[in-house]
Amino acid sequence: MSVLGRLFDRFLGLPEAVVDDVAVTRDLRVSMPDGVVLLADRYRPRGAGPLPVVLMRTPYGKHRIDAKAFASVLVRRGMQVVVQNTRGCLRLRWPLPRLSPGEGRRPGHGGLVACAAVV
Protein backbone atom coordinates (compact mmCIF):
# COMPACT_ATOMS: atom_id res chain seq x y z
CA MET A 1 0.00 0.00 0.00
CA SER A 2 1.26 3.47 -0.79
CA VAL A 3 2.19 6.08 1.79
CA LEU A 4 -0.65 8.26 0.49
CA GLY A 5 -3.10 5.38 1.02
CA ARG A 6 -1.94 4.93 4.62
CA LEU A 7 -2.25 8.67 5.28
CA PHE A 8 -5.75 8.73 3.79
CA ASP A 9 -6.78 5.75 5.96
CA ARG A 10 -5.38 7.42 9.06
CA PHE A 11 -7.13 10.69 8.22
CA LEU A 12 -10.45 8.80 7.97
CA GLY A 13 -9.73 6.84 11.16
CA LEU A 14 -10.01 3.47 9.41
CA PRO A 15 -8.67 0.14 10.66
CA GLU A 16 -5.64 -1.47 9.03
CA ALA A 17 -6.14 -2.52 5.41
CA VAL A 18 -6.28 -6.25 4.69
CA VAL A 19 -5.34 -6.10 0.97
CA ASP A 20 -2.18 -4.66 -0.56
CA ASP A 21 -2.29 -5.85 -4.18
CA VAL A 22 -5.08 -4.19 -6.21
CA ALA A 23 -5.96 -4.94 -9.84
CA VAL A 24 -7.60 -2.16 -11.85
CA THR A 25 -9.43 -2.75 -15.14
CA ARG A 26 -10.16 0.52 -16.92
CA ASP A 27 -12.73 1.64 -19.49
CA LEU A 28 -15.03 -1.36 -19.36
CA ARG A 29 -17.91 -0.75 -21.76
CA VAL A 30 -21.32 -1.33 -20.16
CA SER A 31 -24.43 -1.30 -22.37
CA MET A 32 -27.48 0.07 -20.58
CA PRO A 33 -30.96 -1.34 -21.31
CA ASP A 34 -31.68 1.53 -23.75
CA GLY A 35 -28.47 0.92 -25.74
CA VAL A 36 -26.36 3.75 -24.28
CA VAL A 37 -22.79 2.61 -23.51
CA LEU A 38 -21.23 3.92 -20.28
CA LEU A 39 -17.60 3.42 -19.22
CA ALA A 40 -16.57 1.95 -15.89
CA ASP A 41 -13.38 1.07 -14.01
CA ARG A 42 -13.25 -2.01 -11.76
CA TYR A 43 -10.98 -2.18 -8.70
CA ARG A 44 -10.55 -5.53 -6.94
CA PRO A 45 -8.02 -7.37 -4.82
CA ARG A 46 -5.70 -9.26 -7.18
CA GLY A 47 -6.40 -13.00 -7.24
CA ALA A 48 -9.48 -12.82 -5.00
CA GLY A 49 -12.59 -14.94 -5.58
CA PRO A 50 -16.18 -13.67 -5.48
CA LEU A 51 -16.50 -10.47 -3.44
CA PRO A 52 -19.17 -7.93 -2.49
CA VAL A 53 -19.54 -5.11 -5.04
CA VAL A 54 -19.79 -1.38 -4.35
CA LEU A 55 -21.06 0.72 -7.27
CA MET A 56 -20.05 4.38 -7.48
CA ARG A 57 -21.63 6.42 -10.29
CA THR A 58 -20.36 9.90 -11.07
CA PRO A 59 -21.22 12.65 -13.56
CA TYR A 60 -17.81 14.24 -12.99
CA GLY A 61 -15.55 11.55 -14.46
CA LYS A 62 -14.39 8.23 -13.04
CA HIS A 63 -10.74 9.27 -13.25
CA ARG A 64 -11.03 12.00 -10.62
CA ILE A 65 -8.80 11.64 -7.57
CA ASP A 66 -11.75 11.50 -5.13
CA ALA A 67 -13.34 8.55 -6.97
CA LYS A 68 -10.00 6.72 -7.07
CA ALA A 69 -9.33 7.44 -3.39
CA PHE A 70 -12.65 6.10 -2.12
CA ALA A 71 -12.44 3.07 -4.42
CA SER A 72 -8.97 2.37 -3.04
CA VAL A 73 -10.17 2.59 0.57
CA LEU A 74 -12.92 0.04 -0.08
CA VAL A 75 -10.90 -2.39 -2.19
CA ARG A 76 -8.13 -2.52 0.40
CA ARG A 77 -10.79 -3.78 2.81
CA GLY A 78 -11.74 -6.74 0.63
CA MET A 79 -14.47 -5.39 -1.66
CA GLN A 80 -14.54 -4.88 -5.37
CA VAL A 81 -15.54 -1.43 -6.58
CA VAL A 82 -17.04 -0.38 -9.90
CA VAL A 83 -16.74 3.35 -10.67
CA GLN A 84 -19.00 4.26 -13.57
CA ASN A 85 -19.51 7.44 -15.54
CA THR A 86 -23.13 8.52 -15.87
CA ARG A 87 -24.94 9.76 -18.95
CA GLY A 88 -23.65 13.09 -20.17
CA CYS A 89 -20.47 12.75 -18.08
CA LEU A 90 -18.30 15.86 -18.42
CA ARG A 91 -20.58 17.40 -21.04
CA LEU A 92 -21.16 21.04 -20.26
CA ARG A 93 -24.39 21.48 -22.15
CA TRP A 94 -27.81 22.32 -20.85
CA PRO A 95 -30.41 21.07 -20.50
CA LEU A 96 -29.13 17.77 -19.17
CA PRO A 97 -29.84 14.68 -21.28
CA ARG A 98 -33.34 13.31 -20.81
CA LEU A 99 -33.87 9.94 -19.21
CA SER A 100 -34.89 7.16 -21.53
CA PRO A 101 -38.51 5.94 -21.31
CA GLY A 102 -38.98 3.83 -18.20
CA GLU A 103 -35.65 4.76 -16.62
CA GLY A 104 -37.25 6.90 -13.92
CA ARG A 105 -39.65 4.09 -13.01
CA ARG A 106 -36.81 1.62 -12.36
CA PRO A 107 -34.27 3.54 -10.27
CA GLY A 108 -31.00 1.68 -9.87
CA HIS A 109 -31.65 -0.71 -12.74
CA GLY A 110 -28.74 0.70 -14.74
CA GLY A 111 -26.49 0.16 -11.74
CA LEU A 112 -27.51 -3.49 -11.52
CA VAL A 113 -26.76 -3.86 -15.23
CA ALA A 114 -23.33 -2.29 -14.71
CA CYS A 115 -22.41 -4.58 -11.82
CA ALA A 116 -23.61 -7.69 -13.64
CA ALA A 117 -21.66 -6.73 -16.77
CA VAL A 118 -18.26 -6.17 -15.16
CA VAL A 119 -18.21 -8.55 -12.18
C-alpha atoms as a PDB file:
ATOM      1  CA  MET A   1       0.000   0.000   0.000  1.00  0.00           C
ATOM      2  CA  SER A   2       1.257   3.475  -0.790  1.00  0.00           C
ATOM      3  CA  VAL A   3       2.189   6.082   1.787  1.00  0.00           C
ATOM      4  CA  LEU A   4      -0.650   8.259   0.487  1.00  0.00           C
ATOM      5  CA  GLY A   5      -3.096   5.376   1.023  1.00  0.00           C
ATOM      6  CA  ARG A   6      -1.937   4.926   4.621  1.00  0.00           C
ATOM      7  CA  LEU A   7      -2.246   8.665   5.279  1.00  0.00           C
ATOM      8  CA  PHE A   8      -5.748   8.725   3.788  1.00  0.00           C
ATOM      9  CA  ASP A   9      -6.778   5.748   5.957  1.00  0.00           C
ATOM     10  CA  ARG A  10      -5.377   7.419   9.063  1.00  0.00           C
ATOM     11  CA  PHE A  11      -7.134  10.692   8.225  1.00  0.00           C
ATOM     12  CA  LEU A  12     -10.445   8.797   7.973  1.00  0.00           C
ATOM     13  CA  GLY A  13      -9.731   6.841  11.161  1.00  0.00           C
ATOM     14  CA  LEU A  14     -10.006   3.472   9.415  1.00  0.00           C
ATOM     15  CA  PRO A  15      -8.668   0.142  10.656  1.00  0.00           C
ATOM     16  CA  GLU A  16      -5.639  -1.465   9.029  1.00  0.00           C
ATOM     17  CA  ALA A  17      -6.144  -2.518   5.405  1.00  0.00           C
ATOM     18  CA  VAL A  18      -6.279  -6.253   4.691  1.00  0.00           C
ATOM     19  CA  VAL A  19      -5.337  -6.103   0.969  1.00  0.00           C
ATOM     20  CA  ASP A  20      -2.185  -4.662  -0.562  1.00  0.00           C
ATOM     21  CA  ASP A  21      -2.295  -5.847  -4.180  1.00  0.00           C
ATOM     22  CA  VAL A  22      -5.076  -4.192  -6.213  1.00  0.00           C
ATOM     23  CA  ALA A  23      -5.964  -4.938  -9.841  1.00  0.00           C
ATOM     24  CA  VAL A  24      -7.604  -2.161 -11.855  1.00  0.00           C
ATOM     25  CA  THR A  25      -9.431  -2.745 -15.142  1.00  0.00           C
ATOM     26  CA  ARG A  26     -10.162   0.516 -16.924  1.00  0.00           C
ATOM     27  CA  ASP A  27     -12.730   1.639 -19.487  1.00  0.00           C
ATOM     28  CA  LEU A  28     -15.030  -1.361 -19.361  1.00  0.00           C
ATOM     29  CA  ARG A  29     -17.914  -0.749 -21.758  1.00  0.00           C
ATOM     30  CA  VAL A  30     -21.320  -1.335 -20.164  1.00  0.00           C
ATOM     31  CA  SER A  31     -24.430  -1.304 -22.365  1.00  0.00           C
ATOM     32  CA  MET A  32     -27.476   0.073 -20.584  1.00  0.00           C
ATOM     33  CA  PRO A  33     -30.960  -1.335 -21.312  1.00  0.00           C
ATOM     34  CA  ASP A  34     -31.683   1.527 -23.746  1.00  0.00           C
ATOM     35  CA  GLY A  35     -28.474   0.921 -25.738  1.00  0.00           C
ATOM     36  CA  VAL A  36     -26.362   3.751 -24.282  1.00  0.00           C
ATOM     37  CA  VAL A  37     -22.795   2.613 -23.507  1.00  0.00           C
ATOM     38  CA  LEU A  38     -21.230   3.916 -20.284  1.00  0.00           C
ATOM     39  CA  LEU A  39     -17.604   3.419 -19.224  1.00  0.00           C
ATOM     40  CA  ALA A  40     -16.574   1.952 -15.892  1.00  0.00           C
ATOM     41  CA  ASP A  41     -13.384   1.066 -14.008  1.00  0.00           C
ATOM     42  CA  ARG A  42     -13.247  -2.009 -11.763  1.00  0.00           C
ATOM     43  CA  TYR A  43     -10.979  -2.181  -8.698  1.00  0.00           C
ATOM     44  CA  ARG A  44     -10.554  -5.531  -6.936  1.00  0.00           C
ATOM     45  CA  PRO A  45      -8.016  -7.367  -4.816  1.00  0.00           C
ATOM     46  CA  ARG A  46      -5.704  -9.262  -7.184  1.00  0.00           C
ATOM     47  CA  GLY A  47      -6.400 -12.996  -7.244  1.00  0.00           C
ATOM     48  CA  ALA A  48      -9.475 -12.824  -5.001  1.00  0.00           C
ATOM     49  CA  GLY A  49     -12.587 -14.936  -5.577  1.00  0.00           C
ATOM     50  CA  PRO A  50     -16.178 -13.667  -5.476  1.00  0.00           C
ATOM     51  CA  LEU A  51     -16.495 -10.466  -3.439  1.00  0.00           C
ATOM     52  CA  PRO A  52     -19.171  -7.928  -2.489  1.00  0.00           C
ATOM     53  CA  VAL A  53     -19.544  -5.109  -5.037  1.00  0.00           C
ATOM     54  CA  VAL A  54     -19.792  -1.376  -4.348  1.00  0.00           C
ATOM     55  CA  LEU A  55     -21.059   0.724  -7.271  1.00  0.00           C
ATOM     56  CA  MET A  56     -20.055   4.376  -7.485  1.00  0.00           C
ATOM     57  CA  ARG A  57     -21.635   6.418 -10.292  1.00  0.00           C
ATOM     58  CA  THR A  58     -20.359   9.896 -11.067  1.00  0.00           C
ATOM     59  CA  PRO A  59     -21.219  12.647 -13.558  1.00  0.00           C
ATOM     60  CA  TYR A  60     -17.807  14.241 -12.992  1.00  0.00           C
ATOM     61  CA  GLY A  61     -15.551  11.553 -14.460  1.00  0.00           C
ATOM     62  CA  LYS A  62     -14.395   8.227 -13.043  1.00  0.00           C
ATOM     63  CA  HIS A  63     -10.743   9.269 -13.245  1.00  0.00           C
ATOM     64  CA  ARG A  64     -11.031  12.002 -10.615  1.00  0.00           C
ATOM     65  CA  ILE A  65      -8.800  11.636  -7.566  1.00  0.00           C
ATOM     66  CA  ASP A  66     -11.749  11.500  -5.135  1.00  0.00           C
ATOM     67  CA  ALA A  67     -13.338   8.546  -6.968  1.00  0.00           C
ATOM     68  CA  LYS A  68     -10.003   6.718  -7.065  1.00  0.00           C
ATOM     69  CA  ALA A  69      -9.328   7.439  -3.386  1.00  0.00           C
ATOM     70  CA  PHE A  70     -12.655   6.101  -2.120  1.00  0.00           C
ATOM     71  CA  ALA A  71     -12.439   3.071  -4.422  1.00  0.00           C
ATOM     72  CA  SER A  72      -8.972   2.373  -3.039  1.00  0.00           C
ATOM     73  CA  VAL A  73     -10.166   2.586   0.571  1.00  0.00           C
ATOM     74  CA  LEU A  74     -12.922   0.040  -0.084  1.00  0.00           C
ATOM     75  CA  VAL A  75     -10.904  -2.393  -2.192  1.00  0.00           C
ATOM     76  CA  ARG A  76      -8.130  -2.522   0.404  1.00  0.00           C
ATOM     77  CA  ARG A  77     -10.786  -3.777   2.808  1.00  0.00           C
ATOM     78  CA  GLY A  78     -11.742  -6.738   0.632  1.00  0.00           C
ATOM     79  CA  MET A  79     -14.472  -5.395  -1.660  1.00  0.00           C
ATOM     80  CA  GLN A  80     -14.543  -4.881  -5.374  1.00  0.00           C
ATOM     81  CA  VAL A  81     -15.544  -1.432  -6.576  1.00  0.00           C
ATOM     82  CA  VAL A  82     -17.044  -0.381  -9.902  1.00  0.00           C
ATOM     83  CA  VAL A  83     -16.740   3.346 -10.667  1.00  0.00           C
ATOM     84  CA  GLN A  84     -19.004   4.257 -13.570  1.00  0.00           C
ATOM     85  CA  ASN A  85     -19.513   7.436 -15.542  1.00  0.00           C
ATOM     86  CA  THR A  86     -23.134   8.522 -15.872  1.00  0.00           C
ATOM     87  CA  ARG A  87     -24.941   9.759 -18.946  1.00  0.00           C
ATOM     88  CA  GLY A  88     -23.650  13.087 -20.166  1.00  0.00           C
ATOM     89  CA  CYS A  89     -20.473  12.746 -18.080  1.00  0.00           C
ATOM     90  CA  LEU A  90     -18.299  15.860 -18.424  1.00  0.00           C
ATOM     91  CA  ARG A  91     -20.582  17.404 -21.043  1.00  0.00           C
ATOM     92  CA  LEU A  92     -21.164  21.043 -20.265  1.00  0.00           C
ATOM     93  CA  ARG A  93     -24.390  21.482 -22.149  1.00  0.00           C
ATOM     94  CA  TRP A  94     -27.810  22.316 -20.852  1.00  0.00           C
ATOM     95  CA  PRO A  95     -30.410  21.069 -20.496  1.00  0.00           C
ATOM     96  CA  LEU A  96     -29.126  17.774 -19.168  1.00  0.00           C
ATOM     97  CA  PRO A  97     -29.839  14.683 -21.281  1.00  0.00           C
ATOM     98  CA  ARG A  98     -33.337  13.310 -20.807  1.00  0.00           C
ATOM     99  CA  LEU A  99     -33.866   9.937 -19.213  1.00  0.00           C
ATOM    100  CA  SER A 100     -34.893   7.161 -21.527  1.00  0.00           C
ATOM    101  CA  PRO A 101     -38.512   5.942 -21.306  1.00  0.00           C
ATOM    102  CA  GLY A 102     -38.981   3.826 -18.200  1.00  0.00           C
ATOM    103  CA  GLU A 103     -35.649   4.757 -16.617  1.00  0.00           C
ATOM    104  CA  GLY A 104     -37.246   6.898 -13.923  1.00  0.00           C
ATOM    105  CA  ARG A 105     -39.646   4.089 -13.015  1.00  0.00           C
ATOM    106  CA  ARG A 106     -36.814   1.620 -12.359  1.00  0.00           C
ATOM    107  CA  PRO A 107     -34.270   3.538 -10.267  1.00  0.00           C
ATOM    108  CA  GLY A 108     -30.999   1.681  -9.867  1.00  0.00           C
ATOM    109  CA  HIS A 109     -31.652  -0.713 -12.743  1.00  0.00           C
ATOM    110  CA  GLY A 110     -28.737   0.701 -14.743  1.00  0.00           C
ATOM    111  CA  GLY A 111     -26.489   0.156 -11.738  1.00  0.00           C
ATOM    112  CA  LEU A 112     -27.510  -3.491 -11.523  1.00  0.00           C
ATOM    113  CA  VAL A 113     -26.765  -3.858 -15.230  1.00  0.00           C
ATOM    114  CA  ALA A 114     -23.326  -2.289 -14.712  1.00  0.00           C
ATOM    115  CA  CYS A 115     -22.414  -4.578 -11.821  1.00  0.00           C
ATOM    116  CA  ALA A 116     -23.614  -7.687 -13.639  1.00  0.00           C
ATOM    117  CA  ALA A 117     -21.659  -6.733 -16.766  1.00  0.00           C
ATOM    118  CA  VAL A 118     -18.259  -6.174 -15.155  1.00  0.00           C
ATOM    119  CA  VAL A 119     -18.214  -8.546 -12.184  1.00  0.00           C
END
